[in-house]
């Protein structure tokens, strides 16, 4: 940990003093960069994820082009579902698809838990990335949280209303728990493998938690996220917990005992910070749509957030969700420059 030349993110995640907020952004290595498309046009998305050298090339883009304070492993939350037996493909303009959705007990029984060997390419990629980074900035590993992975497996892909998933939770809660437990066990093994391979921090993405009511979140999401975080070998590896819906679910997220709660853009970040246990950091929470705005507006909104958080230890700048593909690259670069010029 001490060999990091820039350890701002780790210090902030552990609620230690920093001279400015560290910055990284969800989806920072992605479709808003022409350099990403130069790689993407040669390979399928899954080929990019599964070829360590290519995953490393993409992971390094925002380090080289934006100068952010952390790299995040180039991969996808659905690789665990694929390793468990999901027939995964990515279609242009449609997104992820599972050709064999999980709809009944037989489908659920077919999901493998002993599948870590199928994810070895991620461990290999982490080692290649860390060689390239050479201690310049920390590397964040990640996984999808069980409820979010369940929703893709049950729906067979992305969903606007999660109707099939919520019908499963309501009509067959035991089956839902059976599947969620399998996903959680795979996720623990997968994240511990990433720690062993050398990541410096981890993020758990519960992207679709906002679909759930408070009680359902508690039963079908929170319970498993807590189980995962309790079983990580997290010595010196801070854990960030993110969900769309964190503005609502932050009190429950805090109970899972992450180092950092990553907050969507619907909440006042300082209010959330003050509601969390002392020493728990926050990450966020600029509305990504601000990055479409004029540069003067981008600067003002970032500095307003920083003034609001002034004097608070344990603050990592990020967006409330990921960068959209058509946000101008120059605007993202400008935002990073504004943040790096700031001093408390």
C-alpha atoms as a PDB file:
ATOM      1  CA  UNK A   1       0.000   0.000   0.000  1.00  0.00           C
ATOM      2  CA  UNK A   2       2.828   2.359   0.900  1.00  0.00           C
ATOM      3  CA  UNK A   3       4.461   2.002  -2.503  1.00  0.00           C
ATOM      4  CA  UNK A   4       1.688   4.120  -4.084  1.00  0.00           C
ATOM      5  CA  UNK A   5       3.003   7.427  -5.440  1.00  0.00           C
ATOM      6  CA  UNK A   6      -0.531   8.852  -5.215  1.00  0.00           C
ATOM      7  CA  UNK A   7      -2.508   7.372  -2.326  1.00  0.00           C
ATOM      8  CA  UNK A   8      -5.144  10.145  -2.078  1.00  0.00           C
ATOM      9  CA  UNK A   9      -7.989   7.727  -2.784  1.00  0.00           C
ATOM     10  CA  UNK A  10      -6.875   5.248  -0.113  1.00  0.00           C
ATOM     11  CA  UNK A  11      -6.419   7.993   2.480  1.00  0.00           C
ATOM     12  CA  UNK A  12      -9.835   9.509   1.733  1.00  0.00           C
ATOM     13  CA  UNK A  13     -11.480   6.064   1.764  1.00  0.00           C
ATOM     14  CA  UNK A  14     -10.021   5.456   5.229  1.00  0.00           C
ATOM     15  CA  UNK A  15     -11.157   8.936   6.369  1.00  0.00           C
ATOM     16  CA  UNK A  16      -7.595  10.225   6.718  1.00  0.00           C
ATOM     17  CA  UNK A  17      -6.672  13.846   5.889  1.00  0.00           C
ATOM     18  CA  UNK A  18      -6.169  14.771   2.204  1.00  0.00           C
ATOM     19  CA  UNK A  19      -5.092  18.077   0.671  1.00  0.00           C
ATOM     20  CA  UNK A  20      -7.933  17.853  -1.860  1.00  0.00           C
ATOM     21  CA  UNK A  21     -10.645  15.343  -2.721  1.00  0.00           C
ATOM     22  CA  UNK A  22      -9.389  12.477  -4.897  1.00  0.00           C
ATOM     23  CA  UNK A  23     -11.210  12.033  -8.216  1.00  0.00           C
ATOM     24  CA  UNK A  24     -12.180   9.048 -10.296  1.00  0.00           C
ATOM     25  CA  UNK A  25     -15.419   8.490 -12.199  1.00  0.00           C
ATOM     26  CA  UNK A  26     -17.598   5.471 -12.787  1.00  0.00           C
ATOM     27  CA  UNK A  27     -17.320   4.397 -16.437  1.00  0.00           C
ATOM     28  CA  UNK A  28     -14.166   6.532 -16.763  1.00  0.00           C
ATOM     29  CA  UNK A  29     -12.648   4.036 -19.223  1.00  0.00           C
ATOM     30  CA  UNK A  30     -15.383   4.005 -21.766  1.00  0.00           C
ATOM     31  CA  UNK A  31     -17.436   5.104 -24.684  1.00  0.00           C
ATOM     32  CA  UNK A  32     -16.916   8.874 -24.366  1.00  0.00           C
ATOM     33  CA  UNK A  33     -13.268   8.384 -25.453  1.00  0.00           C
ATOM     34  CA  UNK A  34     -12.325   8.001 -29.091  1.00  0.00           C
ATOM     35  CA  UNK A  35      -9.331   5.938 -27.943  1.00  0.00           C
ATOM     36  CA  UNK A  36     -11.763   3.462 -26.377  1.00  0.00           C
ATOM     37  CA  UNK A  37     -13.563   3.079 -29.712  1.00  0.00           C
ATOM     38  CA  UNK A  38     -10.255   2.481 -31.512  1.00  0.00           C
ATOM     39  CA  UNK A  39      -9.917  -0.638 -29.348  1.00  0.00           C
ATOM     40  CA  UNK A  40     -13.643  -1.516 -29.221  1.00  0.00           C
ATOM     41  CA  UNK A  41     -13.938  -1.532 -33.019  1.00  0.00           C
ATOM     42  CA  UNK A  42     -11.384  -4.355 -33.202  1.00  0.00           C
ATOM     43  CA  UNK A  43     -12.789  -6.657 -30.511  1.00  0.00           C
ATOM     44  CA  UNK A  44     -16.084  -7.677 -28.945  1.00  0.00           C
ATOM     45  CA  UNK A  45     -16.793  -6.341 -25.459  1.00  0.00           C
ATOM     46  CA  UNK A  46     -16.266  -9.766 -23.851  1.00  0.00           C
ATOM     47  CA  UNK A  47     -13.007 -10.265 -25.772  1.00  0.00           C
ATOM     48  CA  UNK A  48     -11.816  -6.961 -24.298  1.00  0.00           C
ATOM     49  CA  UNK A  49     -12.744  -8.098 -20.776  1.00  0.00           C
ATOM     50  CA  UNK A  50     -11.199 -11.554 -21.165  1.00  0.00           C
ATOM     51  CA  UNK A  51      -7.877 -10.560 -22.750  1.00  0.00           C
ATOM     52  CA  UNK A  52      -5.665  -9.228 -19.930  1.00  0.00           C
ATOM     53  CA  UNK A  53      -3.501  -7.042 -22.190  1.00  0.00           C
ATOM     54  CA  UNK A  54      -6.547  -5.379 -23.785  1.00  0.00           C
ATOM     55  CA  UNK A  55      -8.309  -4.950 -20.412  1.00  0.00           C
ATOM     56  CA  UNK A  56      -5.110  -3.271 -19.210  1.00  0.00           C
ATOM     57  CA  UNK A  57      -4.970  -0.993 -22.270  1.00  0.00           C
ATOM     58  CA  UNK A  58      -8.514   0.231 -21.585  1.00  0.00           C
ATOM     59  CA  UNK A  59      -7.992   0.528 -17.813  1.00  0.00           C
ATOM     60  CA  UNK A  60      -4.981   2.792 -18.451  1.00  0.00           C
ATOM     61  CA  UNK A  61      -6.780   5.215 -20.808  1.00  0.00           C
ATOM     62  CA  UNK A  62      -8.208   7.534 -18.099  1.00  0.00           C
ATOM     63  CA  UNK A  63      -4.904   7.443 -16.195  1.00  0.00           C
ATOM     64  CA  UNK A  64      -2.985   8.549 -19.273  1.00  0.00           C
ATOM     65  CA  UNK A  65      -5.599  10.887 -20.808  1.00  0.00           C
ATOM     66  CA  UNK A  66      -7.406  12.353 -17.779  1.00  0.00           C
ATOM     67  CA  UNK A  67      -4.936  12.049 -14.920  1.00  0.00           C
ATOM     68  CA  UNK A  68      -7.504  10.725 -12.426  1.00  0.00           C
ATOM     69  CA  UNK A  69      -6.433   9.561  -8.952  1.00  0.00           C
ATOM     70  CA  UNK A  70      -7.430   5.908  -9.363  1.00  0.00           C
ATOM     71  CA  UNK A  71      -7.772   3.270 -12.047  1.00  0.00           C
ATOM     72  CA  UNK A  72     -10.746   0.928 -12.084  1.00  0.00           C
ATOM     73  CA  UNK A  73     -10.374  -2.516 -13.565  1.00  0.00           C
ATOM     74  CA  UNK A  74     -11.912  -2.748 -17.049  1.00  0.00           C
ATOM     75  CA  UNK A  75     -14.453  -5.551 -16.764  1.00  0.00           C
ATOM     76  CA  UNK A  76     -18.195  -5.965 -16.301  1.00  0.00           C
ATOM     77  CA  UNK A  77     -20.447  -6.771 -13.357  1.00  0.00           C
ATOM     78  CA  UNK A  78     -21.964  -9.685 -15.307  1.00  0.00           C
ATOM     79  CA  UNK A  79     -18.789 -11.775 -15.590  1.00  0.00           C
ATOM     80  CA  UNK A  80     -19.762 -13.602 -12.370  1.00  0.00           C
ATOM     81  CA  UNK A  81     -23.169 -14.498 -13.823  1.00  0.00           C
ATOM     82  CA  UNK A  82     -21.476 -15.788 -16.981  1.00  0.00           C
ATOM     83  CA  UNK A  83     -19.020 -17.882 -14.962  1.00  0.00           C
ATOM     84  CA  UNK A  84     -21.978 -19.398 -13.071  1.00  0.00           C
ATOM     85  CA  UNK A  85     -23.437 -20.588 -16.384  1.00  0.00           C
ATOM     86  CA  UNK A  86     -25.224 -17.594 -17.863  1.00  0.00           C
ATOM     87  CA  UNK A  87     -25.062 -17.540 -21.684  1.00  0.00           C
ATOM     88  CA  UNK A  88     -24.006 -13.893 -21.956  1.00  0.00           C
ATOM     89  CA  UNK A  89     -23.716 -11.700 -25.030  1.00  0.00           C
ATOM     90  CA  UNK A  90     -23.622  -7.940 -25.592  1.00  0.00           C
ATOM     91  CA  UNK A  91     -25.638  -6.521 -28.458  1.00  0.00           C
ATOM     92  CA  UNK A  92     -24.942  -3.084 -29.880  1.00  0.00           C
ATOM     93  CA  UNK A  93     -27.718  -0.724 -28.842  1.00  0.00           C
ATOM     94  CA  UNK A  94     -29.412  -3.393 -26.710  1.00  0.00           C
ATOM     95  CA  UNK A  95     -26.894  -4.173 -23.979  1.00  0.00           C
ATOM     96  CA  UNK A  96     -26.335  -7.458 -22.144  1.00  0.00           C
ATOM     97  CA  UNK A  97     -28.447 -10.487 -22.935  1.00  0.00           C
ATOM     98  CA  UNK A  98     -28.685 -13.899 -21.276  1.00  0.00           C
ATOM     99  CA  UNK A  99     -29.954 -16.535 -23.709  1.00  0.00           C
ATOM    100  CA  UNK A 100     -30.822 -18.840 -20.772  1.00  0.00           C
ATOM    101  CA  UNK A 101     -32.639 -16.718 -18.174  1.00  0.00           C
ATOM    102  CA  UNK A 102     -33.195 -18.149 -14.692  1.00  0.00           C
ATOM    103  CA  UNK A 103     -36.931 -18.570 -14.164  1.00  0.00           C
ATOM    104  CA  UNK A 104     -37.420 -21.698 -12.025  1.00  0.00           C
ATOM    105  CA  UNK A 105     -35.751 -24.038  -9.545  1.00  0.00           C
ATOM    106  CA  UNK A 106     -34.163 -26.203 -12.248  1.00  0.00           C
ATOM    107  CA  UNK A 107     -32.580 -23.116 -13.843  1.00  0.00           C
ATOM    108  CA  UNK A 108     -31.319 -22.029 -10.422  1.00  0.00           C
ATOM    109  CA  UNK A 109     -29.880 -25.469  -9.658  1.00  0.00           C
ATOM    110  CA  UNK A 110     -27.908 -25.273 -12.912  1.00  0.00           C
ATOM    111  CA  UNK A 111     -26.046 -22.194 -11.665  1.00  0.00           C
ATOM    112  CA  UNK A 112     -22.543 -23.235 -10.650  1.00  0.00           C
ATOM    113  CA  UNK A 113     -20.902 -21.904  -7.479  1.00  0.00           C
ATOM    114  CA  UNK A 114     -17.525 -23.568  -7.978  1.00  0.00           C
ATOM    115  CA  UNK A 115     -16.571 -21.425 -10.956  1.00  0.00           C
ATOM    116  CA  UNK A 116     -13.676 -19.209  -9.848  1.00  0.00           C
ATOM    117  CA  UNK A 117     -11.331 -20.811 -12.394  1.00  0.00           C
ATOM    118  CA  UNK A 118     -13.508 -19.307 -15.153  1.00  0.00           C
ATOM    119  CA  UNK A 119     -12.694 -15.824 -13.802  1.00  0.00           C
ATOM    120  CA  UNK A 120      -8.923 -16.288 -13.699  1.00  0.00           C
ATOM    121  CA  UNK A 121      -8.580 -13.868 -16.640  1.00  0.00           C
ATOM    122  CA  UNK A 122      -9.601 -11.078 -14.231  1.00  0.00           C
ATOM    123  CA  UNK A 123      -6.794 -11.964 -11.826  1.00  0.00           C
ATOM    124  CA  UNK A 124      -4.391 -12.039 -14.775  1.00  0.00           C
ATOM    125  CA  UNK A 125      -5.623  -8.631 -15.957  1.00  0.00           C
ATOM    126  CA  UNK A 126      -5.111  -7.140 -12.472  1.00  0.00           C
ATOM    127  CA  UNK A 127      -1.483  -8.285 -12.477  1.00  0.00           C
ATOM    128  CA  UNK A 128      -0.843  -6.789 -15.934  1.00  0.00           C
ATOM    129  CA  UNK A 129      -2.534  -3.503 -14.927  1.00  0.00           C
ATOM    130  CA  UNK A 130      -0.529  -3.234 -11.708  1.00  0.00           C
ATOM    131  CA  UNK A 131       2.700  -3.726 -13.679  1.00  0.00           C
ATOM    132  CA  UNK A 132       1.652  -0.887 -16.000  1.00  0.00           C
ATOM    133  CA  UNK A 133       0.524   1.379 -13.167  1.00  0.00           C
ATOM    134  CA  UNK A 134       3.781   0.788 -11.291  1.00  0.00           C
ATOM    135  CA  UNK A 135       2.346   2.346  -8.127  1.00  0.00           C
ATOM    136  CA  UNK A 136       1.270   5.540  -9.871  1.00  0.00           C
ATOM    137  CA  UNK A 137      -2.311   5.382  -8.522  1.00  0.00           C
ATOM    138  CA  UNK A 138      -4.423   2.716  -6.785  1.00  0.00           C
ATOM    139  CA  UNK A 139      -6.379   0.120  -8.752  1.00  0.00           C
ATOM    140  CA  UNK A 140     -10.029  -0.439  -7.825  1.00  0.00           C
ATOM    141  CA  UNK A 141     -11.517  -3.882  -8.376  1.00  0.00           C
ATOM    142  CA  UNK A 142     -15.255  -4.516  -8.303  1.00  0.00           C
ATOM    143  CA  UNK A 143     -18.177  -6.877  -8.549  1.00  0.00           C
ATOM    144  CA  UNK A 144     -21.917  -6.638  -9.052  1.00  0.00           C
ATOM    145  CA  UNK A 145     -24.028  -7.116  -5.924  1.00  0.00           C
ATOM    146  CA  UNK A 146     -26.317 -10.165  -5.757  1.00  0.00           C
ATOM    147  CA  UNK A 147     -29.663  -8.421  -6.286  1.00  0.00           C
ATOM    148  CA  UNK A 148     -28.400  -6.592  -9.380  1.00  0.00           C
ATOM    149  CA  UNK A 149     -26.910  -9.794 -10.838  1.00  0.00           C
ATOM    150  CA  UNK A 150     -30.136 -11.687 -10.026  1.00  0.00           C
ATOM    151  CA  UNK A 151     -32.169  -9.088 -11.913  1.00  0.00           C
ATOM    152  CA  UNK A 152     -30.116  -9.587 -15.107  1.00  0.00           C
ATOM    153  CA  UNK A 153     -30.306 -13.374 -14.832  1.00  0.00           C
ATOM    154  CA  UNK A 154     -34.075 -13.392 -14.249  1.00  0.00           C
ATOM    155  CA  UNK A 155     -34.974 -10.706 -16.791  1.00  0.00           C
ATOM    156  CA  UNK A 156     -32.548 -12.094 -19.363  1.00  0.00           C
ATOM    157  CA  UNK A 157     -30.948  -8.663 -19.720  1.00  0.00           C
ATOM    158  CA  UNK A 158     -31.612  -5.041 -18.816  1.00  0.00           C
ATOM    159  CA  UNK A 159     -35.074  -4.057 -17.623  1.00  0.00           C
ATOM    160  CA  UNK A 160     -37.028  -0.855 -17.156  1.00  0.00           C
ATOM    161  CA  UNK A 161     -39.481  -2.170 -14.557  1.00  0.00           C
ATOM    162  CA  UNK A 162     -37.945  -5.413 -13.157  1.00  0.00           C
ATOM    163  CA  UNK A 163     -41.364  -7.043 -13.390  1.00  0.00           C
ATOM    164  CA  UNK A 164     -40.110 -10.645 -13.618  1.00  0.00           C
ATOM    165  CA  UNK A 165     -37.588 -10.110 -10.828  1.00  0.00           C
ATOM    166  CA  UNK A 166     -40.095  -8.531  -8.462  1.00  0.00           C
ATOM    167  CA  UNK A 167     -42.688 -11.204  -9.237  1.00  0.00           C
ATOM    168  CA  UNK A 168     -40.059 -13.795  -8.268  1.00  0.00           C
ATOM    169  CA  UNK A 169     -39.337 -11.966  -4.985  1.00  0.00           C
ATOM    170  CA  UNK A 170     -43.063 -11.770  -4.190  1.00  0.00           C
ATOM    171  CA  UNK A 171     -44.251 -15.215  -5.311  1.00  0.00           C
ATOM    172  CA  UNK A 172     -41.166 -17.361  -4.728  1.00  0.00           C
ATOM    173  CA  UNK A 173     -38.986 -15.681  -2.079  1.00  0.00           C
ATOM    174  CA  UNK A 174     -37.284 -18.987  -1.152  1.00  0.00           C
ATOM    175  CA  UNK A 175     -36.152 -19.464  -4.759  1.00  0.00           C
ATOM    176  CA  UNK A 176     -34.901 -15.858  -4.873  1.00  0.00           C
ATOM    177  CA  UNK A 177     -32.887 -16.422  -1.674  1.00  0.00           C
ATOM    178  CA  UNK A 178     -31.459 -19.660  -3.065  1.00  0.00           C
ATOM    179  CA  UNK A 179     -30.177 -17.848  -6.171  1.00  0.00           C
ATOM    180  CA  UNK A 180     -28.961 -14.795  -4.215  1.00  0.00           C
ATOM    181  CA  UNK A 181     -26.980 -17.000  -1.816  1.00  0.00           C
ATOM    182  CA  UNK A 182     -25.241 -18.694  -4.746  1.00  0.00           C
ATOM    183  CA  UNK A 183     -24.375 -15.329  -6.310  1.00  0.00           C
ATOM    184  CA  UNK A 184     -23.127 -13.994  -2.959  1.00  0.00           C
ATOM    185  CA  UNK A 185     -20.814 -16.990  -2.436  1.00  0.00           C
ATOM    186  CA  UNK A 186     -19.344 -16.593  -5.919  1.00  0.00           C
ATOM    187  CA  UNK A 187     -18.937 -12.846  -5.344  1.00  0.00           C
ATOM    188  CA  UNK A 188     -16.976 -13.373  -2.117  1.00  0.00           C
ATOM    189  CA  UNK A 189     -14.581 -15.800  -3.809  1.00  0.00           C
ATOM    190  CA  UNK A 190     -14.248 -13.467  -6.806  1.00  0.00           C
ATOM    191  CA  UNK A 191     -13.503 -10.326  -4.766  1.00  0.00           C
ATOM    192  CA  UNK A 192     -11.035 -12.168  -2.535  1.00  0.00           C
ATOM    193  CA  UNK A 193      -9.290 -13.409  -5.693  1.00  0.00           C
ATOM    194  CA  UNK A 194      -9.040  -9.766  -6.844  1.00  0.00           C
ATOM    195  CA  UNK A 195      -7.490  -8.788  -3.498  1.00  0.00           C
ATOM    196  CA  UNK A 196      -4.998 -11.622  -3.839  1.00  0.00           C
ATOM    197  CA  UNK A 197      -4.179 -10.520  -7.394  1.00  0.00           C
ATOM    198  CA  UNK A 198      -3.331  -7.055  -6.090  1.00  0.00           C
ATOM    199  CA  UNK A 199      -6.202  -4.536  -6.211  1.00  0.00           C
ATOM    200  CA  UNK A 200      -5.891  -1.626  -3.763  1.00  0.00           C
ATOM    201  CA  UNK A 201      -9.630  -1.020  -3.219  1.00  0.00           C
ATOM    202  CA  UNK A 202     -12.951  -2.653  -4.097  1.00  0.00           C
ATOM    203  CA  UNK A 203     -16.384  -1.377  -5.096  1.00  0.00           C
ATOM    204  CA  UNK A 204     -19.616  -3.362  -4.825  1.00  0.00           C
ATOM    205  CA  UNK A 205     -22.125  -2.170  -7.445  1.00  0.00           C
ATOM    206  CA  UNK A 206     -25.794  -2.667  -6.582  1.00  0.00           C
ATOM    207  CA  UNK A 207     -26.823  -0.720  -9.657  1.00  0.00           C
ATOM    208  CA  UNK A 208     -30.538  -1.568  -9.629  1.00  0.00           C
ATOM    209  CA  UNK A 209     -31.298  -1.493  -5.904  1.00  0.00           C
ATOM    210  CA  UNK A 210     -33.505   1.552  -6.513  1.00  0.00           C
ATOM    211  CA  UNK A 211     -36.115  -0.833  -7.985  1.00  0.00           C
ATOM    212  CA  UNK A 212     -36.797  -2.168  -4.482  1.00  0.00           C
ATOM    213  CA  UNK A 213     -38.999  -1.052  -1.616  1.00  0.00           C
ATOM    214  CA  UNK A 214     -37.295  -0.503   1.755  1.00  0.00           C
ATOM    215  CA  UNK A 215     -38.405  -3.913   3.095  1.00  0.00           C
ATOM    216  CA  UNK A 216     -37.438  -5.763  -0.071  1.00  0.00           C
ATOM    217  CA  UNK A 217     -34.067  -4.006  -0.168  1.00  0.00           C
ATOM    218  CA  UNK A 218     -33.482  -5.119   3.415  1.00  0.00           C
ATOM    219  CA  UNK A 219     -34.380  -8.736   2.669  1.00  0.00           C
ATOM    220  CA  UNK A 220     -33.071  -9.298  -0.861  1.00  0.00           C
ATOM    221  CA  UNK A 221     -30.139  -6.853  -1.199  1.00  0.00           C
ATOM    222  CA  UNK A 222     -28.839  -5.548   2.119  1.00  0.00           C
ATOM    223  CA  UNK A 223     -28.610  -8.977   3.756  1.00  0.00           C
ATOM    224  CA  UNK A 224     -26.359 -10.344   0.986  1.00  0.00           C
ATOM    225  CA  UNK A 225     -24.220  -7.205   0.639  1.00  0.00           C
ATOM    226  CA  UNK A 226     -23.525  -7.415   4.387  1.00  0.00           C
ATOM    227  CA  UNK A 227     -22.621 -11.098   4.074  1.00  0.00           C
ATOM    228  CA  UNK A 228     -20.194 -10.337   1.238  1.00  0.00           C
ATOM    229  CA  UNK A 229     -18.455  -7.426   2.967  1.00  0.00           C
ATOM    230  CA  UNK A 230     -18.125  -9.434   6.214  1.00  0.00           C
ATOM    231  CA  UNK A 231     -16.314 -12.198   4.322  1.00  0.00           C
ATOM    232  CA  UNK A 232     -13.739 -10.146   2.423  1.00  0.00           C
ATOM    233  CA  UNK A 233     -10.033 -10.322   3.267  1.00  0.00           C
ATOM    234  CA  UNK A 234     -10.046  -6.554   3.361  1.00  0.00           C
ATOM    235  CA  UNK A 235      -6.842  -5.870   5.310  1.00  0.00           C
ATOM    236  CA  UNK A 236      -5.709  -2.451   3.974  1.00  0.00           C
ATOM    237  CA  UNK A 237      -8.145  -2.743   1.031  1.00  0.00           C
ATOM    238  CA  UNK A 238     -10.964  -0.227   1.487  1.00  0.00           C
ATOM    239  CA  UNK A 239     -14.429  -1.295   0.359  1.00  0.00           C
ATOM    240  CA  UNK A 240     -16.805   1.126  -1.382  1.00  0.00           C
ATOM    241  CA  UNK A 241     -20.518   0.316  -1.501  1.00  0.00           C
ATOM    242  CA  UNK A 242     -22.543   1.897  -4.327  1.00  0.00           C
ATOM    243  CA  UNK A 243     -26.150   1.706  -5.354  1.00  0.00           C
ATOM    244  CA  UNK A 244     -28.522   3.834  -7.313  1.00  0.00           C
ATOM    245  CA  UNK A 245     -30.830   4.505  -4.414  1.00  0.00           C
ATOM    246  CA  UNK A 246     -28.073   5.197  -1.896  1.00  0.00           C
ATOM    247  CA  UNK A 247     -29.759   8.505  -1.083  1.00  0.00           C
ATOM    248  CA  UNK A 248     -32.576   6.383   0.369  1.00  0.00           C
ATOM    249  CA  UNK A 249     -30.722   3.276   1.531  1.00  0.00           C
ATOM    250  CA  UNK A 250     -27.582   4.889   3.039  1.00  0.00           C
ATOM    251  CA  UNK A 251     -28.549   3.985   6.655  1.00  0.00           C
ATOM    252  CA  UNK A 252     -28.795   0.299   5.698  1.00  0.00           C
ATOM    253  CA  UNK A 253     -25.652   0.495   3.541  1.00  0.00           C
ATOM    254  CA  UNK A 254     -23.753   1.784   6.577  1.00  0.00           C
ATOM    255  CA  UNK A 255     -24.806  -1.351   8.492  1.00  0.00           C
ATOM    256  CA  UNK A 256     -22.855  -3.502   6.017  1.00  0.00           C
ATOM    257  CA  UNK A 257     -19.743  -1.711   7.331  1.00  0.00           C
ATOM    258  CA  UNK A 258     -18.059  -0.566   4.119  1.00  0.00           C
ATOM    259  CA  UNK A 259     -15.286   2.041   4.355  1.00  0.00           C
ATOM    260  CA  UNK A 260     -17.113   4.272   1.863  1.00  0.00           C
ATOM    261  CA  UNK A 261     -20.755   4.788   0.873  1.00  0.00           C
ATOM    262  CA  UNK A 262     -21.009   6.009  -2.726  1.00  0.00           C
ATOM    263  CA  UNK A 263     -24.013   8.289  -3.092  1.00  0.00           C
ATOM    264  CA  UNK A 264     -26.285   8.966  -6.085  1.00  0.00           C
ATOM    265  CA  UNK A 265     -27.014  12.582  -7.034  1.00  0.00           C
ATOM    266  CA  UNK A 266     -30.461  12.812  -5.415  1.00  0.00           C
ATOM    267  CA  UNK A 267     -29.158  13.490  -1.908  1.00  0.00           C
ATOM    268  CA  UNK A 268     -27.253  16.274  -0.202  1.00  0.00           C
ATOM    269  CA  UNK A 269     -23.846  14.672   0.298  1.00  0.00           C
ATOM    270  CA  UNK A 270     -23.056  16.431   3.585  1.00  0.00           C
ATOM    271  CA  UNK A 271     -26.384  15.352   5.097  1.00  0.00           C
ATOM    272  CA  UNK A 272     -25.634  11.738   4.150  1.00  0.00           C
ATOM    273  CA  UNK A 273     -22.086  12.026   5.543  1.00  0.00           C
ATOM    274  CA  UNK A 274     -23.395  13.348   8.859  1.00  0.00           C
ATOM    275  CA  UNK A 275     -25.928  10.507   9.045  1.00  0.00           C
ATOM    276  CA  UNK A 276     -23.227   7.834   8.708  1.00  0.00           C
ATOM    277  CA  UNK A 277     -21.108   6.428  11.538  1.00  0.00           C
ATOM    278  CA  UNK A 278     -18.027   8.495  12.354  1.00  0.00           C
ATOM    279  CA  UNK A 279     -15.081   7.480  10.189  1.00  0.00           C
ATOM    280  CA  UNK A 280     -17.198   6.209   7.273  1.00  0.00           C
ATOM    281  CA  UNK A 281     -16.335   8.075   4.076  1.00  0.00           C
ATOM    282  CA  UNK A 282     -18.615   9.181   1.240  1.00  0.00           C
ATOM    283  CA  UNK A 283     -18.072   9.152  -2.512  1.00  0.00           C
ATOM    284  CA  UNK A 284     -19.983  11.193  -5.053  1.00  0.00           C
ATOM    285  CA  UNK A 285     -22.173  12.758  -6.022  1.00  0.00           C
ATOM    286  CA  UNK A 286     -22.170  15.151  -8.982  1.00  0.00           C
ATOM    287  CA  UNK A 287     -25.056  14.589 -11.383  1.00  0.00           C
ATOM    288  CA  UNK A 288     -23.275  13.253 -14.508  1.00  0.00           C
ATOM    289  CA  UNK A 289     -25.567  15.431 -16.672  1.00  0.00           C
ATOM    290  CA  UNK A 290     -23.654  18.470 -15.361  1.00  0.00           C
ATOM    291  CA  UNK A 291     -20.824  17.331 -17.645  1.00  0.00           C
ATOM    292  CA  UNK A 292     -22.930  18.250 -20.686  1.00  0.00           C
ATOM    293  CA  UNK A 293     -23.059  21.856 -19.448  1.00  0.00           C
ATOM    294  CA  UNK A 294     -20.800  24.841 -20.190  1.00  0.00           C
ATOM    295  CA  UNK A 295     -17.399  24.740 -18.525  1.00  0.00           C
ATOM    296  CA  UNK A 296     -18.234  27.658 -16.224  1.00  0.00           C
ATOM    297  CA  UNK A 297     -21.245  25.702 -14.955  1.00  0.00           C
ATOM    298  CA  UNK A 298     -19.179  22.519 -14.484  1.00  0.00           C
ATOM    299  CA  UNK A 299     -16.631  24.453 -12.433  1.00  0.00           C
ATOM    300  CA  UNK A 300     -19.273  26.155 -10.291  1.00  0.00           C
ATOM    301  CA  UNK A 301     -21.152  22.921  -9.530  1.00  0.00           C
ATOM    302  CA  UNK A 302     -17.939  21.103  -8.535  1.00  0.00           C
ATOM    303  CA  UNK A 303     -16.737  23.981  -6.340  1.00  0.00           C
ATOM    304  CA  UNK A 304     -20.188  24.304  -4.740  1.00  0.00           C
ATOM    305  CA  UNK A 305     -19.986  20.619  -3.785  1.00  0.00           C
ATOM    306  CA  UNK A 306     -16.448  21.095  -2.424  1.00  0.00           C
ATOM    307  CA  UNK A 307     -17.516  24.086  -0.323  1.00  0.00           C
ATOM    308  CA  UNK A 308     -20.396  22.049   1.045  1.00  0.00           C
ATOM    309  CA  UNK A 309     -17.951  19.279   2.035  1.00  0.00           C
ATOM    310  CA  UNK A 310     -15.189  21.562   3.330  1.00  0.00           C
ATOM    311  CA  UNK A 311     -13.769  20.376   6.643  1.00  0.00           C
ATOM    312  CA  UNK A 312     -15.054  16.820   6.175  1.00  0.00           C
ATOM    313  CA  UNK A 313     -12.493  14.029   6.133  1.00  0.00           C
ATOM    314  CA  UNK A 314     -13.394  10.995   4.063  1.00  0.00           C
ATOM    315  CA  UNK A 315     -14.662  12.472   0.778  1.00  0.00           C
ATOM    316  CA  UNK A 316     -13.944  11.042  -2.677  1.00  0.00           C
ATOM    317  CA  UNK A 317     -15.220  12.989  -5.686  1.00  0.00           C
ATOM    318  CA  UNK A 318     -17.214  10.934  -8.164  1.00  0.00           C
ATOM    319  CA  UNK A 319     -20.415  11.140 -10.151  1.00  0.00           C
ATOM    320  CA  UNK A 320     -23.758   9.944  -8.813  1.00  0.00           C
ATOM    321  CA  UNK A 321     -23.611   7.274 -11.541  1.00  0.00           C
ATOM    322  CA  UNK A 322     -21.494   6.601 -14.648  1.00  0.00           C
ATOM    323  CA  UNK A 323     -20.363   8.884 -17.477  1.00  0.00           C
ATOM    324  CA  UNK A 324     -22.746   8.779 -20.452  1.00  0.00           C
ATOM    325  CA  UNK A 325     -21.246   7.836 -23.848  1.00  0.00           C
ATOM    326  CA  UNK A 326     -21.913  11.192 -25.551  1.00  0.00           C
ATOM    327  CA  UNK A 327     -20.538  13.492 -22.826  1.00  0.00           C
ATOM    328  CA  UNK A 328     -17.766  15.577 -24.466  1.00  0.00           C
ATOM    329  CA  UNK A 329     -14.327  14.273 -23.546  1.00  0.00           C
ATOM    330  CA  UNK A 330     -13.037  17.838 -23.076  1.00  0.00           C
ATOM    331  CA  UNK A 331     -15.681  18.476 -20.418  1.00  0.00           C
ATOM    332  CA  UNK A 332     -14.619  15.415 -18.445  1.00  0.00           C
ATOM    333  CA  UNK A 333     -10.964  16.432 -18.726  1.00  0.00           C
ATOM    334  CA  UNK A 334     -11.833  19.965 -17.611  1.00  0.00           C
ATOM    335  CA  UNK A 335     -13.742  18.649 -14.578  1.00  0.00           C
ATOM    336  CA  UNK A 336     -10.691  16.622 -13.516  1.00  0.00           C
ATOM    337  CA  UNK A 337      -8.458  19.695 -13.894  1.00  0.00           C
ATOM    338  CA  UNK A 338     -10.810  21.816 -11.725  1.00  0.00           C
ATOM    339  CA  UNK A 339     -10.712  19.135  -9.017  1.00  0.00           C
ATOM    340  CA  UNK A 340      -6.927  18.729  -9.147  1.00  0.00           C
ATOM    341  CA  UNK A 341      -6.401  22.489  -8.875  1.00  0.00           C
ATOM    342  CA  UNK A 342      -8.524  22.690  -5.725  1.00  0.00           C
ATOM    343  CA  UNK A 343      -6.969  22.826  -2.237  1.00  0.00           C
ATOM    344  CA  UNK A 344      -8.709  22.761   1.122  1.00  0.00           C
END
